[in-house]
Amino acid sequence: MSAVEHRYEVRSRQQRWSGRVFEVVTDEVTMPGGGTAARDIVRHVGAVAVVALDDAGQVVLIRQYRHAVGRHLWELPAGLMDVSGEDLAAAAARELAEEADLTAGRLDVLVDLHTSPGFTDEVVRVFLARDLADVPPEQRHERRDEEADLQVLRIDLDEAVGMVLAGEITNSPAVAGLLAAVRARDAGWTALRRADAPLPR
């Protein structure tokens, strides 16, 4: 016999701050055994990331400055779900073109992750991109701000996983995506989900 789970209900919500990418709210939430507790939450638009794998078994890594941590990080091509009405696969294709000058003939879902569920509802979907081709030079995106400083590297997938395990890659979608890609590859790509698979709820 399974225990009945408590239903956490939001009694009230107060917006603390709102911006283009996220808002900060305080929810008053019912707790087991009676009473309520305040929970501060960052409500986020969500994001996509791409493990772009070429025919030689190499993945594309991006080195980008991240001001919140004050340093450059190795990451996957990635971006926000901040274009109204754009679906996840289209956003992934857009970010791959903008950050790595690549198109993909095939996109599959590798993994979905809640990046830090203790305080944010952010969900990142990581895609696997294959059948890669270069974006023609005259059609390439003009990179600005931190993107103007991007370094793009192709590296063997197993070597990239070694960087994860050595603590050289710490960006969470990159860690999850690279580890998932190795597992999916070793399983013969049988566990991949379709690019239009629904997000976890």
C-alpha atoms as a PDB file:
ATOM      1  CA  MET A   1       0.000   0.000   0.000  1.00  0.00           C
ATOM      2  CA  SER A   2       1.527   3.316  -1.070  1.00  0.00           C
ATOM      3  CA  ALA A   3       1.403   6.424   1.072  1.00  0.00           C
ATOM      4  CA  VAL A   4      -0.725   9.336  -0.081  1.00  0.00           C
ATOM      5  CA  GLU A   5       1.496  12.214  -1.152  1.00  0.00           C
ATOM      6  CA  HIS A   6       0.854  15.635   0.300  1.00  0.00           C
ATOM      7  CA  ARG A   7      -0.479  18.120  -2.231  1.00  0.00           C
ATOM      8  CA  TYR A   8       1.599  21.295  -2.061  1.00  0.00           C
ATOM      9  CA  GLU A   9      -0.805  24.142  -2.854  1.00  0.00           C
ATOM     10  CA  VAL A  10       0.173  27.745  -3.514  1.00  0.00           C
ATOM     11  CA  ARG A  11      -1.930  29.956  -1.245  1.00  0.00           C
ATOM     12  CA  SER A  12      -0.472  33.225  -2.475  1.00  0.00           C
ATOM     13  CA  ARG A  13       2.235  34.573  -4.787  1.00  0.00           C
ATOM     14  CA  GLN A  14       4.120  37.855  -4.583  1.00  0.00           C
ATOM     15  CA  GLN A  15       6.260  39.034  -7.474  1.00  0.00           C
ATOM     16  CA  ARG A  16       9.580  40.427  -6.258  1.00  0.00           C
ATOM     17  CA  TRP A  17      11.241  41.252  -9.592  1.00  0.00           C
ATOM     18  CA  SER A  18      10.608  40.684 -13.311  1.00  0.00           C
ATOM     19  CA  GLY A  19      12.917  40.813 -16.334  1.00  0.00           C
ATOM     20  CA  ARG A  20      13.226  39.465 -19.877  1.00  0.00           C
ATOM     21  CA  VAL A  21      14.651  36.060 -18.906  1.00  0.00           C
ATOM     22  CA  PHE A  22      13.250  35.377 -15.449  1.00  0.00           C
ATOM     23  CA  GLU A  23      11.133  36.684 -12.602  1.00  0.00           C
ATOM     24  CA  VAL A  24      11.510  36.208  -8.866  1.00  0.00           C
ATOM     25  CA  VAL A  25       8.433  35.353  -6.801  1.00  0.00           C
ATOM     26  CA  THR A  26       7.657  34.325  -3.248  1.00  0.00           C
ATOM     27  CA  ASP A  27       5.041  31.564  -2.942  1.00  0.00           C
ATOM     28  CA  GLU A  28       3.214  30.721   0.280  1.00  0.00           C
ATOM     29  CA  VAL A  29       2.930  26.921   0.090  1.00  0.00           C
ATOM     30  CA  THR A  30       0.947  24.449   2.214  1.00  0.00           C
ATOM     31  CA  MET A  31       3.148  22.008   4.145  1.00  0.00           C
ATOM     32  CA  PRO A  32       2.504  18.464   5.425  1.00  0.00           C
ATOM     33  CA  GLY A  33       1.057  18.439   8.921  1.00  0.00           C
ATOM     34  CA  GLY A  34      -0.562  21.864   8.511  1.00  0.00           C
ATOM     35  CA  GLY A  35       0.765  25.359   8.124  1.00  0.00           C
ATOM     36  CA  THR A  36       2.483  27.089   5.240  1.00  0.00           C
ATOM     37  CA  ALA A  37       6.021  28.129   4.314  1.00  0.00           C
ATOM     38  CA  ALA A  38       7.407  30.839   2.054  1.00  0.00           C
ATOM     39  CA  ARG A  39       9.470  29.693  -0.922  1.00  0.00           C
ATOM     40  CA  ASP A  40      11.434  32.091  -3.132  1.00  0.00           C
ATOM     41  CA  ILE A  41      11.456  30.917  -6.755  1.00  0.00           C
ATOM     42  CA  VAL A  42      13.161  32.060  -9.947  1.00  0.00           C
ATOM     43  CA  ARG A  43      10.649  31.459 -12.747  1.00  0.00           C
ATOM     44  CA  HIS A  44      12.656  31.005 -15.952  1.00  0.00           C
ATOM     45  CA  VAL A  45      11.800  30.949 -19.683  1.00  0.00           C
ATOM     46  CA  GLY A  46      13.760  27.708 -20.217  1.00  0.00           C
ATOM     47  CA  ALA A  47      16.572  26.868 -22.585  1.00  0.00           C
ATOM     48  CA  VAL A  48      17.941  24.378 -25.097  1.00  0.00           C
ATOM     49  CA  ALA A  49      21.420  22.983 -25.643  1.00  0.00           C
ATOM     50  CA  VAL A  50      22.927  20.859 -28.407  1.00  0.00           C
ATOM     51  CA  VAL A  51      25.439  18.023 -28.444  1.00  0.00           C
ATOM     52  CA  ALA A  52      26.568  18.388 -32.054  1.00  0.00           C
ATOM     53  CA  LEU A  53      28.271  15.142 -33.071  1.00  0.00           C
ATOM     54  CA  ASP A  54      30.094  14.887 -36.386  1.00  0.00           C
ATOM     55  CA  ASP A  55      30.848  11.787 -38.465  1.00  0.00           C
ATOM     56  CA  ALA A  56      34.293  11.479 -36.849  1.00  0.00           C
ATOM     57  CA  GLY A  57      32.759  11.176 -33.364  1.00  0.00           C
ATOM     58  CA  GLN A  58      33.747  14.690 -32.327  1.00  0.00           C
ATOM     59  CA  VAL A  59      31.497  17.112 -30.437  1.00  0.00           C
ATOM     60  CA  VAL A  60      31.376  20.887 -30.637  1.00  0.00           C
ATOM     61  CA  LEU A  61      32.281  22.782 -27.471  1.00  0.00           C
ATOM     62  CA  ILE A  62      31.924  26.509 -26.937  1.00  0.00           C
ATOM     63  CA  ARG A  63      34.120  28.501 -24.555  1.00  0.00           C
ATOM     64  CA  GLN A  64      32.162  31.515 -23.349  1.00  0.00           C
ATOM     65  CA  TYR A  65      32.495  34.109 -20.591  1.00  0.00           C
ATOM     66  CA  ARG A  66      29.829  33.802 -17.886  1.00  0.00           C
ATOM     67  CA  HIS A  67      29.687  36.855 -15.678  1.00  0.00           C
ATOM     68  CA  ALA A  68      27.763  35.174 -12.843  1.00  0.00           C
ATOM     69  CA  VAL A  69      30.784  32.955 -12.145  1.00  0.00           C
ATOM     70  CA  GLY A  70      33.336  35.473 -13.390  1.00  0.00           C
ATOM     71  CA  ARG A  71      35.138  33.222 -15.846  1.00  0.00           C
ATOM     72  CA  HIS A  72      35.020  31.407 -19.175  1.00  0.00           C
ATOM     73  CA  LEU A  73      33.273  28.015 -19.234  1.00  0.00           C
ATOM     74  CA  TRP A  74      33.280  25.157 -21.722  1.00  0.00           C
ATOM     75  CA  GLU A  75      29.693  24.649 -22.818  1.00  0.00           C
ATOM     76  CA  LEU A  76      27.482  23.263 -25.562  1.00  0.00           C
ATOM     77  CA  PRO A  77      25.865  25.535 -28.144  1.00  0.00           C
ATOM     78  CA  ALA A  78      22.823  26.694 -26.198  1.00  0.00           C
ATOM     79  CA  GLY A  79      20.305  29.452 -25.760  1.00  0.00           C
ATOM     80  CA  LEU A  80      17.115  30.692 -24.171  1.00  0.00           C
ATOM     81  CA  MET A  81      13.561  29.890 -25.164  1.00  0.00           C
ATOM     82  CA  ASP A  82      12.900  33.604 -25.533  1.00  0.00           C
ATOM     83  CA  VAL A  83      11.411  33.727 -29.045  1.00  0.00           C
ATOM     84  CA  SER A  84       7.622  33.702 -28.804  1.00  0.00           C
ATOM     85  CA  GLY A  85       6.020  30.629 -30.398  1.00  0.00           C
ATOM     86  CA  GLU A  86       9.322  28.944 -31.290  1.00  0.00           C
ATOM     87  CA  ASP A  87       9.424  25.210 -30.635  1.00  0.00           C
ATOM     88  CA  LEU A  88      12.325  23.553 -28.852  1.00  0.00           C
ATOM     89  CA  ALA A  89      13.859  21.839 -31.871  1.00  0.00           C
ATOM     90  CA  ALA A  90      13.744  25.060 -33.915  1.00  0.00           C
ATOM     91  CA  ALA A  91      15.427  26.916 -31.053  1.00  0.00           C
ATOM     92  CA  ALA A  92      18.144  24.264 -30.902  1.00  0.00           C
ATOM     93  CA  ALA A  93      18.751  24.545 -34.651  1.00  0.00           C
ATOM     94  CA  ARG A  94      18.906  28.339 -34.356  1.00  0.00           C
ATOM     95  CA  GLU A  95      21.456  28.236 -31.530  1.00  0.00           C
ATOM     96  CA  LEU A  96      23.586  25.665 -33.359  1.00  0.00           C
ATOM     97  CA  ALA A  97      23.711  27.942 -36.403  1.00  0.00           C
ATOM     98  CA  GLU A  98      24.338  31.122 -34.408  1.00  0.00           C
ATOM     99  CA  GLU A  99      27.024  29.792 -32.075  1.00  0.00           C
ATOM    100  CA  ALA A 100      28.738  27.072 -34.115  1.00  0.00           C
ATOM    101  CA  ASP A 101      27.906  27.978 -37.751  1.00  0.00           C
ATOM    102  CA  LEU A 102      26.377  24.530 -38.260  1.00  0.00           C
ATOM    103  CA  THR A 103      23.147  22.953 -39.439  1.00  0.00           C
ATOM    104  CA  ALA A 104      21.940  19.471 -38.527  1.00  0.00           C
ATOM    105  CA  GLY A 105      20.180  16.965 -40.746  1.00  0.00           C
ATOM    106  CA  ARG A 106      18.913  15.121 -37.692  1.00  0.00           C
ATOM    107  CA  LEU A 107      17.877  16.201 -34.188  1.00  0.00           C
ATOM    108  CA  ASP A 108      16.907  13.865 -31.349  1.00  0.00           C
ATOM    109  CA  VAL A 109      16.284  14.444 -27.649  1.00  0.00           C
ATOM    110  CA  LEU A 110      19.120  13.315 -25.384  1.00  0.00           C
ATOM    111  CA  VAL A 111      18.067  14.468 -21.930  1.00  0.00           C
ATOM    112  CA  ASP A 112      15.931  16.990 -20.051  1.00  0.00           C
ATOM    113  CA  LEU A 113      17.060  18.558 -16.802  1.00  0.00           C
ATOM    114  CA  HIS A 114      15.813  20.805 -14.047  1.00  0.00           C
ATOM    115  CA  THR A 115      18.993  22.811 -13.554  1.00  0.00           C
ATOM    116  CA  SER A 116      18.522  23.716  -9.890  1.00  0.00           C
ATOM    117  CA  PRO A 117      15.053  22.738  -8.622  1.00  0.00           C
ATOM    118  CA  GLY A 118      15.754  24.011  -5.111  1.00  0.00           C
ATOM    119  CA  PHE A 119      15.073  27.549  -6.313  1.00  0.00           C
ATOM    120  CA  THR A 120      14.186  27.673 -10.023  1.00  0.00           C
ATOM    121  CA  ASP A 121      11.718  26.037 -12.418  1.00  0.00           C
ATOM    122  CA  GLU A 122      14.209  26.275 -15.302  1.00  0.00           C
ATOM    123  CA  VAL A 123      14.103  23.286 -17.659  1.00  0.00           C
ATOM    124  CA  VAL A 124      16.810  22.693 -20.266  1.00  0.00           C
ATOM    125  CA  ARG A 125      16.305  20.247 -23.114  1.00  0.00           C
ATOM    126  CA  VAL A 126      19.525  18.869 -24.576  1.00  0.00           C
ATOM    127  CA  PHE A 127      19.364  17.670 -28.176  1.00  0.00           C
ATOM    128  CA  LEU A 128      21.695  15.424 -30.133  1.00  0.00           C
ATOM    129  CA  ALA A 129      22.477  16.920 -33.558  1.00  0.00           C
ATOM    130  CA  ARG A 130      23.934  14.751 -36.318  1.00  0.00           C
ATOM    131  CA  ASP A 131      24.474  14.971 -40.081  1.00  0.00           C
ATOM    132  CA  LEU A 132      26.206  18.307 -39.588  1.00  0.00           C
ATOM    133  CA  ALA A 133      26.944  20.827 -42.342  1.00  0.00           C
ATOM    134  CA  ASP A 134      28.520  24.283 -42.347  1.00  0.00           C
ATOM    135  CA  VAL A 135      26.390  27.398 -42.603  1.00  0.00           C
ATOM    136  CA  PRO A 136      27.585  29.320 -45.717  1.00  0.00           C
ATOM    137  CA  PRO A 137      29.844  32.245 -44.700  1.00  0.00           C
ATOM    138  CA  GLU A 138      27.484  34.862 -46.110  1.00  0.00           C
ATOM    139  CA  GLN A 139      24.597  33.502 -43.985  1.00  0.00           C
ATOM    140  CA  ARG A 140      26.416  33.338 -40.651  1.00  0.00           C
ATOM    141  CA  HIS A 141      25.127  35.110 -37.558  1.00  0.00           C
ATOM    142  CA  GLU A 142      26.963  38.218 -36.376  1.00  0.00           C
ATOM    143  CA  ARG A 143      28.012  37.506 -32.799  1.00  0.00           C
ATOM    144  CA  ARG A 144      27.796  40.318 -30.260  1.00  0.00           C
ATOM    145  CA  ASP A 145      28.516  40.956 -26.575  1.00  0.00           C
ATOM    146  CA  GLU A 146      29.938  37.810 -24.929  1.00  0.00           C
ATOM    147  CA  GLU A 147      29.270  35.812 -28.103  1.00  0.00           C
ATOM    148  CA  ALA A 148      31.826  37.951 -29.961  1.00  0.00           C
ATOM    149  CA  ASP A 149      34.462  36.295 -27.736  1.00  0.00           C
ATOM    150  CA  LEU A 150      33.312  32.710 -28.383  1.00  0.00           C
ATOM    151  CA  GLN A 151      35.881  29.998 -28.991  1.00  0.00           C
ATOM    152  CA  VAL A 152      34.595  26.961 -30.895  1.00  0.00           C
ATOM    153  CA  LEU A 153      36.344  23.603 -30.552  1.00  0.00           C
ATOM    154  CA  ARG A 154      35.715  20.105 -31.893  1.00  0.00           C
ATOM    155  CA  ILE A 155      36.887  17.335 -29.622  1.00  0.00           C
ATOM    156  CA  ASP A 156      36.416  13.567 -29.404  1.00  0.00           C
ATOM    157  CA  LEU A 157      33.279  12.729 -27.399  1.00  0.00           C
ATOM    158  CA  ASP A 158      35.173  10.492 -24.988  1.00  0.00           C
ATOM    159  CA  GLU A 159      37.763  13.207 -24.444  1.00  0.00           C
ATOM    160  CA  ALA A 160      34.988  15.683 -23.653  1.00  0.00           C
ATOM    161  CA  VAL A 161      33.603  13.249 -21.075  1.00  0.00           C
ATOM    162  CA  GLY A 162      37.103  13.065 -19.610  1.00  0.00           C
ATOM    163  CA  MET A 163      36.978  16.850 -19.235  1.00  0.00           C
ATOM    164  CA  VAL A 164      33.670  16.492 -17.369  1.00  0.00           C
ATOM    165  CA  LEU A 165      35.123  13.936 -14.963  1.00  0.00           C
ATOM    166  CA  ALA A 166      38.252  16.062 -14.458  1.00  0.00           C
ATOM    167  CA  GLY A 167      36.148  19.073 -13.467  1.00  0.00           C
ATOM    168  CA  GLU A 168      37.108  21.033 -16.588  1.00  0.00           C
ATOM    169  CA  ILE A 169      33.492  21.161 -17.815  1.00  0.00           C
ATOM    170  CA  THR A 170      31.051  22.243 -15.104  1.00  0.00           C
ATOM    171  CA  ASN A 171      28.162  23.818 -17.050  1.00  0.00           C
ATOM    172  CA  SER A 172      25.240  21.570 -16.103  1.00  0.00           C
ATOM    173  CA  PRO A 173      23.610  21.102 -19.548  1.00  0.00           C
ATOM    174  CA  ALA A 174      27.054  20.292 -20.977  1.00  0.00           C
ATOM    175  CA  VAL A 175      27.782  17.764 -18.224  1.00  0.00           C
ATOM    176  CA  ALA A 176      24.381  16.090 -18.620  1.00  0.00           C
ATOM    177  CA  GLY A 177      24.412  16.213 -22.407  1.00  0.00           C
ATOM    178  CA  LEU A 178      27.900  14.784 -22.858  1.00  0.00           C
ATOM    179  CA  LEU A 179      27.337  11.946 -20.376  1.00  0.00           C
ATOM    180  CA  ALA A 180      23.971  11.164 -21.964  1.00  0.00           C
ATOM    181  CA  ALA A 181      25.527  11.187 -25.437  1.00  0.00           C
ATOM    182  CA  VAL A 182      28.140   8.597 -24.465  1.00  0.00           C
ATOM    183  CA  ARG A 183      25.493   6.383 -22.876  1.00  0.00           C
ATOM    184  CA  ALA A 184      23.206   6.742 -25.906  1.00  0.00           C
ATOM    185  CA  ARG A 185      26.079   5.997 -28.299  1.00  0.00           C
ATOM    186  CA  ASP A 186      27.078   2.898 -26.345  1.00  0.00           C
ATOM    187  CA  ALA A 187      23.453   1.709 -26.482  1.00  0.00           C
ATOM    188  CA  GLY A 188      23.410   2.110 -30.267  1.00  0.00           C
ATOM    189  CA  TRP A 189      21.263   5.257 -30.159  1.00  0.00           C
ATOM    190  CA  THR A 190      18.196   3.179 -29.245  1.00  0.00           C
ATOM    191  CA  ALA A 191      17.135   5.271 -26.230  1.00  0.00           C
ATOM    192  CA  LEU A 192      16.801   8.601 -28.042  1.00  0.00           C
ATOM    193  CA  ARG A 193      13.472  10.422 -28.037  1.00  0.00           C
ATOM    194  CA  ARG A 194      11.937  12.234 -30.996  1.00  0.00           C
ATOM    195  CA  ALA A 195      12.747  15.915 -31.327  1.00  0.00           C
ATOM    196  CA  ASP A 196       9.098  16.809 -30.625  1.00  0.00           C
ATOM    197  CA  ALA A 197       8.780  14.686 -27.462  1.00  0.00           C
ATOM    198  CA  PRO A 198       6.887  16.556 -24.712  1.00  0.00           C
ATOM    199  CA  LEU A 199       8.830  18.152 -21.876  1.00  0.00           C
ATOM    200  CA  PRO A 200       8.548  16.600 -18.403  1.00  0.00           C
ATOM    201  CA  ARG A 201       5.788  18.075 -16.258  1.00  0.00           C
END
